[in-house]
Protein backbone atom coordinates (compact mmCIF):
# COMPACT_ATOMS: atom_id res chain seq x y z
CA UNK A 1 0.00 0.00 0.00
CA UNK A 2 2.73 2.44 0.97
CA UNK A 3 4.49 1.78 -2.35
CA UNK A 4 1.28 2.22 -4.31
CA UNK A 5 1.09 -1.50 -5.09
CA UNK A 6 -1.88 -3.78 -4.60
CA UNK A 7 -1.63 -7.06 -2.73
CA UNK A 8 -2.29 -10.11 -4.91
CA UNK A 9 -4.69 -11.84 -2.50
CA UNK A 10 -6.56 -9.23 -0.47
CA UNK A 11 -7.88 -5.69 -0.62
CA UNK A 12 -8.74 -3.26 2.16
CA UNK A 13 -11.62 -1.03 1.16
CA UNK A 14 -11.96 0.13 -2.41
CA UNK A 15 -8.29 1.00 -2.85
CA UNK A 16 -9.08 4.68 -3.15
CA UNK A 17 -7.57 5.55 0.26
CA UNK A 18 -4.43 3.39 0.20
CA UNK A 19 -2.08 6.35 0.59
CA UNK A 20 -4.02 7.44 3.66
CA UNK A 21 -4.46 3.96 5.14
CA UNK A 22 -0.88 2.73 4.76
CA UNK A 23 0.67 4.86 7.54
CA UNK A 24 -2.29 4.16 9.85
CA UNK A 25 -1.95 0.41 9.39
CA UNK A 26 1.80 0.63 9.85
CA UNK A 27 1.55 2.52 13.13
CA UNK A 28 -1.01 0.07 14.47
CA UNK A 29 1.13 -2.90 13.46
CA UNK A 30 4.09 -1.39 15.30
CA UNK A 31 1.95 -0.88 18.40
CA UNK A 32 0.71 -4.47 18.29
CA UNK A 33 4.29 -5.73 18.01
CA UNK A 34 5.25 -3.67 21.06
CA UNK A 35 2.38 -5.23 23.03
CA UNK A 36 3.34 -8.74 21.95
CA UNK A 37 6.91 -8.19 23.13
CA UNK A 38 5.79 -6.75 26.51
CA UNK A 39 5.63 -9.67 28.94
CA UNK A 40 3.94 -7.44 31.55
CA UNK A 41 0.99 -6.91 29.22
CA UNK A 42 0.18 -10.61 29.29
CA UNK A 43 -0.02 -11.02 33.05
CA UNK A 44 1.37 -13.82 35.13
CA UNK A 45 -0.16 -17.21 34.41
CA UNK A 46 2.18 -19.27 36.61
PDB file of N, CA and C in Angstrom:
ATOM      1  N   UNK A   1       0.829  -1.189   0.000  1.00  0.00           N
ATOM      2  CA  UNK A   1       0.000   0.000   0.000  1.00  0.00           C
ATOM      3  C   UNK A   1       0.874   1.254   0.000  1.00  0.00           C
ATOM      4  N   UNK A   2       1.876   1.258   0.852  1.00  0.00           N
ATOM      5  CA  UNK A   2       2.730   2.443   0.973  1.00  0.00           C
ATOM      6  C   UNK A   2       3.496   2.708  -0.325  1.00  0.00           C
ATOM      7  N   UNK A   3       3.764   1.634  -1.073  1.00  0.00           N
ATOM      8  CA  UNK A   3       4.485   1.783  -2.349  1.00  0.00           C
ATOM      9  C   UNK A   3       3.539   2.001  -3.520  1.00  0.00           C
ATOM     10  N   UNK A   4       2.248   2.036  -3.234  1.00  0.00           N
ATOM     11  CA  UNK A   4       1.279   2.216  -4.307  1.00  0.00           C
ATOM     12  C   UNK A   4       0.981   0.934  -5.066  1.00  0.00           C
ATOM     13  N   UNK A   5       1.324  -0.207  -4.449  1.00  0.00           N
ATOM     14  CA  UNK A   5       1.094  -1.504  -5.091  1.00  0.00           C
ATOM     15  C   UNK A   5      -0.089  -2.199  -4.419  1.00  0.00           C
ATOM     16  N   UNK A   6      -0.784  -3.011  -5.178  1.00  0.00           N
ATOM     17  CA  UNK A   6      -1.883  -3.783  -4.597  1.00  0.00           C
ATOM     18  C   UNK A   6      -1.380  -5.166  -4.214  1.00  0.00           C
ATOM     19  N   UNK A   7      -1.977  -5.717  -3.169  1.00  0.00           N
ATOM     20  CA  UNK A   7      -1.632  -7.060  -2.733  1.00  0.00           C
ATOM     21  C   UNK A   7      -2.323  -8.058  -3.653  1.00  0.00           C
ATOM     22  N   UNK A   8      -1.676  -9.165  -3.964  1.00  0.00           N
ATOM     23  CA  UNK A   8      -2.289 -10.110  -4.909  1.00  0.00           C
ATOM     24  C   UNK A   8      -3.469 -10.898  -4.357  1.00  0.00           C
ATOM     25  N   UNK A   9      -3.631 -10.978  -3.028  1.00  0.00           N
ATOM     26  CA  UNK A   9      -4.686 -11.836  -2.501  1.00  0.00           C
ATOM     27  C   UNK A   9      -5.724 -11.145  -1.633  1.00  0.00           C
ATOM     28  N   UNK A  10      -5.522  -9.903  -1.241  1.00  0.00           N
ATOM     29  CA  UNK A  10      -6.561  -9.232  -0.473  1.00  0.00           C
ATOM     30  C   UNK A  10      -6.547  -7.729  -0.718  1.00  0.00           C
ATOM     31  N   UNK A  11      -7.699  -7.122  -0.433  1.00  0.00           N
ATOM     32  CA  UNK A  11      -7.876  -5.688  -0.620  1.00  0.00           C
ATOM     33  C   UNK A  11      -8.532  -5.126   0.638  1.00  0.00           C
ATOM     34  N   UNK A  12      -8.105  -3.948   1.042  1.00  0.00           N
ATOM     35  CA  UNK A  12      -8.739  -3.262   2.163  1.00  0.00           C
ATOM     36  C   UNK A  12      -9.495  -2.080   1.580  1.00  0.00           C
ATOM     37  N   UNK A  13     -10.800  -2.095   1.728  1.00  0.00           N
ATOM     38  CA  UNK A  13     -11.616  -1.027   1.164  1.00  0.00           C
ATOM     39  C   UNK A  13     -11.657  -1.087  -0.352  1.00  0.00           C
ATOM     40  N   UNK A  14     -11.844   0.057  -0.957  1.00  0.00           N
ATOM     41  CA  UNK A  14     -11.955   0.130  -2.411  1.00  0.00           C
ATOM     42  C   UNK A  14     -10.629   0.441  -3.086  1.00  0.00           C
ATOM     43  N   UNK A  15      -9.589   0.671  -2.283  1.00  0.00           N
ATOM     44  CA  UNK A  15      -8.291   0.999  -2.845  1.00  0.00           C
ATOM     45  C   UNK A  15      -8.109   2.471  -3.105  1.00  0.00           C
ATOM     46  N   UNK A  16      -9.150   3.250  -2.868  1.00  0.00           N
ATOM     47  CA  UNK A  16      -9.080   4.681  -3.147  1.00  0.00           C
ATOM     48  C   UNK A  16      -8.324   5.446  -2.067  1.00  0.00           C
ATOM     49  N   UNK A  17      -8.197   4.855  -0.873  1.00  0.00           N
ATOM     50  CA  UNK A  17      -7.575   5.545   0.257  1.00  0.00           C
ATOM     51  C   UNK A  17      -6.267   4.894   0.694  1.00  0.00           C
ATOM     52  N   UNK A  18      -5.640   4.126  -0.176  1.00  0.00           N
ATOM     53  CA  UNK A  18      -4.435   3.392   0.196  1.00  0.00           C
ATOM     54  C   UNK A  18      -3.337   4.301   0.743  1.00  0.00           C
ATOM     55  N   UNK A  19      -3.126   5.438   0.128  1.00  0.00           N
ATOM     56  CA  UNK A  19      -2.076   6.348   0.588  1.00  0.00           C
ATOM     57  C   UNK A  19      -2.364   6.846   2.003  1.00  0.00           C
ATOM     58  N   UNK A  20      -3.622   6.992   2.336  1.00  0.00           N
ATOM     59  CA  UNK A  20      -4.021   7.443   3.664  1.00  0.00           C
ATOM     60  C   UNK A  20      -3.996   6.294   4.671  1.00  0.00           C
ATOM     61  N   UNK A  21      -4.389   5.105   4.241  1.00  0.00           N
ATOM     62  CA  UNK A  21      -4.464   3.961   5.139  1.00  0.00           C
ATOM     63  C   UNK A  21      -3.103   3.364   5.473  1.00  0.00           C
ATOM     64  N   UNK A  22      -2.175   3.390   4.559  1.00  0.00           N
ATOM     65  CA  UNK A  22      -0.875   2.735   4.756  1.00  0.00           C
ATOM     66  C   UNK A  22      -0.175   3.182   6.034  1.00  0.00           C
ATOM     67  N   UNK A  23      -0.019   4.477   6.300  1.00  0.00           N
ATOM     68  CA  UNK A  23       0.666   4.856   7.537  1.00  0.00           C
ATOM     69  C   UNK A  23      -0.146   4.515   8.795  1.00  0.00           C
ATOM     70  N   UNK A  24      -1.457   4.526   8.701  1.00  0.00           N
ATOM     71  CA  UNK A  24      -2.294   4.157   9.846  1.00  0.00           C
ATOM     72  C   UNK A  24      -2.117   2.677  10.182  1.00  0.00           C
ATOM     73  N   UNK A  25      -2.139   1.838   9.167  1.00  0.00           N
ATOM     74  CA  UNK A  25      -1.947   0.409   9.389  1.00  0.00           C
ATOM     75  C   UNK A  25      -0.551   0.121   9.919  1.00  0.00           C
ATOM     76  N   UNK A  26       0.428   0.817   9.399  1.00  0.00           N
ATOM     77  CA  UNK A  26       1.801   0.628   9.847  1.00  0.00           C
ATOM     78  C   UNK A  26       1.970   0.995  11.318  1.00  0.00           C
ATOM     79  N   UNK A  27       1.411   2.109  11.726  1.00  0.00           N
ATOM     80  CA  UNK A  27       1.551   2.522  13.128  1.00  0.00           C
ATOM     81  C   UNK A  27       0.834   1.552  14.054  1.00  0.00           C
ATOM     82  N   UNK A  28      -0.292   1.034  13.640  1.00  0.00           N
ATOM     83  CA  UNK A  28      -1.012   0.072  14.469  1.00  0.00           C
ATOM     84  C   UNK A  28      -0.271  -1.266  14.536  1.00  0.00           C
ATOM     85  N   UNK A  29       0.337  -1.665  13.455  1.00  0.00           N
ATOM     86  CA  UNK A  29       1.126  -2.897  13.460  1.00  0.00           C
ATOM     87  C   UNK A  29       2.318  -2.760  14.399  1.00  0.00           C
ATOM     88  N   UNK A  30       2.973  -1.619  14.386  1.00  0.00           N
ATOM     89  CA  UNK A  30       4.092  -1.390  15.300  1.00  0.00           C
ATOM     90  C   UNK A  30       3.627  -1.447  16.754  1.00  0.00           C
ATOM     91  N   UNK A  31       2.489  -0.855  17.045  1.00  0.00           N
ATOM     92  CA  UNK A  31       1.947  -0.877  18.396  1.00  0.00           C
ATOM     93  C   UNK A  31       1.622  -2.307  18.832  1.00  0.00           C
ATOM     94  N   UNK A  32       1.019  -3.081  17.962  1.00  0.00           N
ATOM     95  CA  UNK A  32       0.706  -4.475  18.290  1.00  0.00           C
ATOM     96  C   UNK A  32       1.977  -5.274  18.563  1.00  0.00           C
ATOM     97  N   UNK A  33       3.022  -5.038  17.784  1.00  0.00           N
ATOM     98  CA  UNK A  33       4.286  -5.731  18.014  1.00  0.00           C
ATOM     99  C   UNK A  33       4.886  -5.354  19.367  1.00  0.00           C
ATOM    100  N   UNK A  34       4.770  -4.098  19.747  1.00  0.00           N
ATOM    101  CA  UNK A  34       5.249  -3.674  21.063  1.00  0.00           C
ATOM    102  C   UNK A  34       4.492  -4.407  22.166  1.00  0.00           C
ATOM    103  N   UNK A  35       3.191  -4.529  22.029  1.00  0.00           N
ATOM    104  CA  UNK A  35       2.376  -5.227  23.032  1.00  0.00           C
ATOM    105  C   UNK A  35       2.764  -6.695  23.113  1.00  0.00           C
ATOM    106  N   UNK A  36       2.974  -7.323  21.968  1.00  0.00           N
ATOM    107  CA  UNK A  36       3.335  -8.740  21.950  1.00  0.00           C
ATOM    108  C   UNK A  36       4.658  -8.959  22.674  1.00  0.00           C
ATOM    109  N   UNK A  37       5.590  -8.049  22.509  1.00  0.00           N
ATOM    110  CA  UNK A  37       6.909  -8.185  23.126  1.00  0.00           C
ATOM    111  C   UNK A  37       6.917  -7.798  24.605  1.00  0.00           C
ATOM    112  N   UNK A  38       5.859  -7.201  25.123  1.00  0.00           N
ATOM    113  CA  UNK A  38       5.789  -6.753  26.512  1.00  0.00           C
ATOM    114  C   UNK A  38       5.201  -7.845  27.387  1.00  0.00           C
ATOM    115  N   UNK A  39       6.075  -8.572  28.090  1.00  0.00           N
ATOM    116  CA  UNK A  39       5.625  -9.667  28.944  1.00  0.00           C
ATOM    117  C   UNK A  39       4.657  -9.192  30.026  1.00  0.00           C
ATOM    118  N   UNK A  40       4.822  -7.965  30.519  1.00  0.00           N
ATOM    119  CA  UNK A  40       3.941  -7.439  31.555  1.00  0.00           C
ATOM    120  C   UNK A  40       2.512  -7.268  31.057  1.00  0.00           C
ATOM    121  N   UNK A  41       2.321  -7.095  29.776  1.00  0.00           N
ATOM    122  CA  UNK A  41       0.989  -6.908  29.220  1.00  0.00           C
ATOM    123  C   UNK A  41       0.174  -8.196  29.237  1.00  0.00           C
ATOM    124  N   UNK A  42       0.865  -9.320  29.359  1.00  0.00           N
ATOM    125  CA  UNK A  42       0.185 -10.614  29.289  1.00  0.00           C
ATOM    126  C   UNK A  42      -0.149 -11.190  30.661  1.00  0.00           C
ATOM    127  N   UNK A  43       0.301 -10.536  31.705  1.00  0.00           N
ATOM    128  CA  UNK A  43      -0.018 -11.017  33.045  1.00  0.00           C
ATOM    129  C   UNK A  43       0.819 -12.229  33.427  1.00  0.00           C
ATOM    130  N   UNK A  44       0.610 -12.682  34.611  1.00  0.00           N
ATOM    131  CA  UNK A  44       1.372 -13.824  35.131  1.00  0.00           C
ATOM    132  C   UNK A  44       0.451 -15.030  35.235  1.00  0.00           C
ATOM    133  N   UNK A  45       0.698 -16.022  34.414  1.00  0.00           N
ATOM    134  CA  UNK A  45      -0.163 -17.205  34.415  1.00  0.00           C
ATOM    135  C   UNK A  45       0.454 -18.369  35.170  1.00  0.00           C
ATOM    136  N   UNK A  46       1.544 -18.160  35.887  1.00  0.00           N
ATOM    137  CA  UNK A  46       2.183 -19.270  36.606  1.00  0.00           C
ATOM    138  C   UNK A  46       1.629 -19.445  37.996  1.00  0.00           C
TER     139      UNK A  46
END
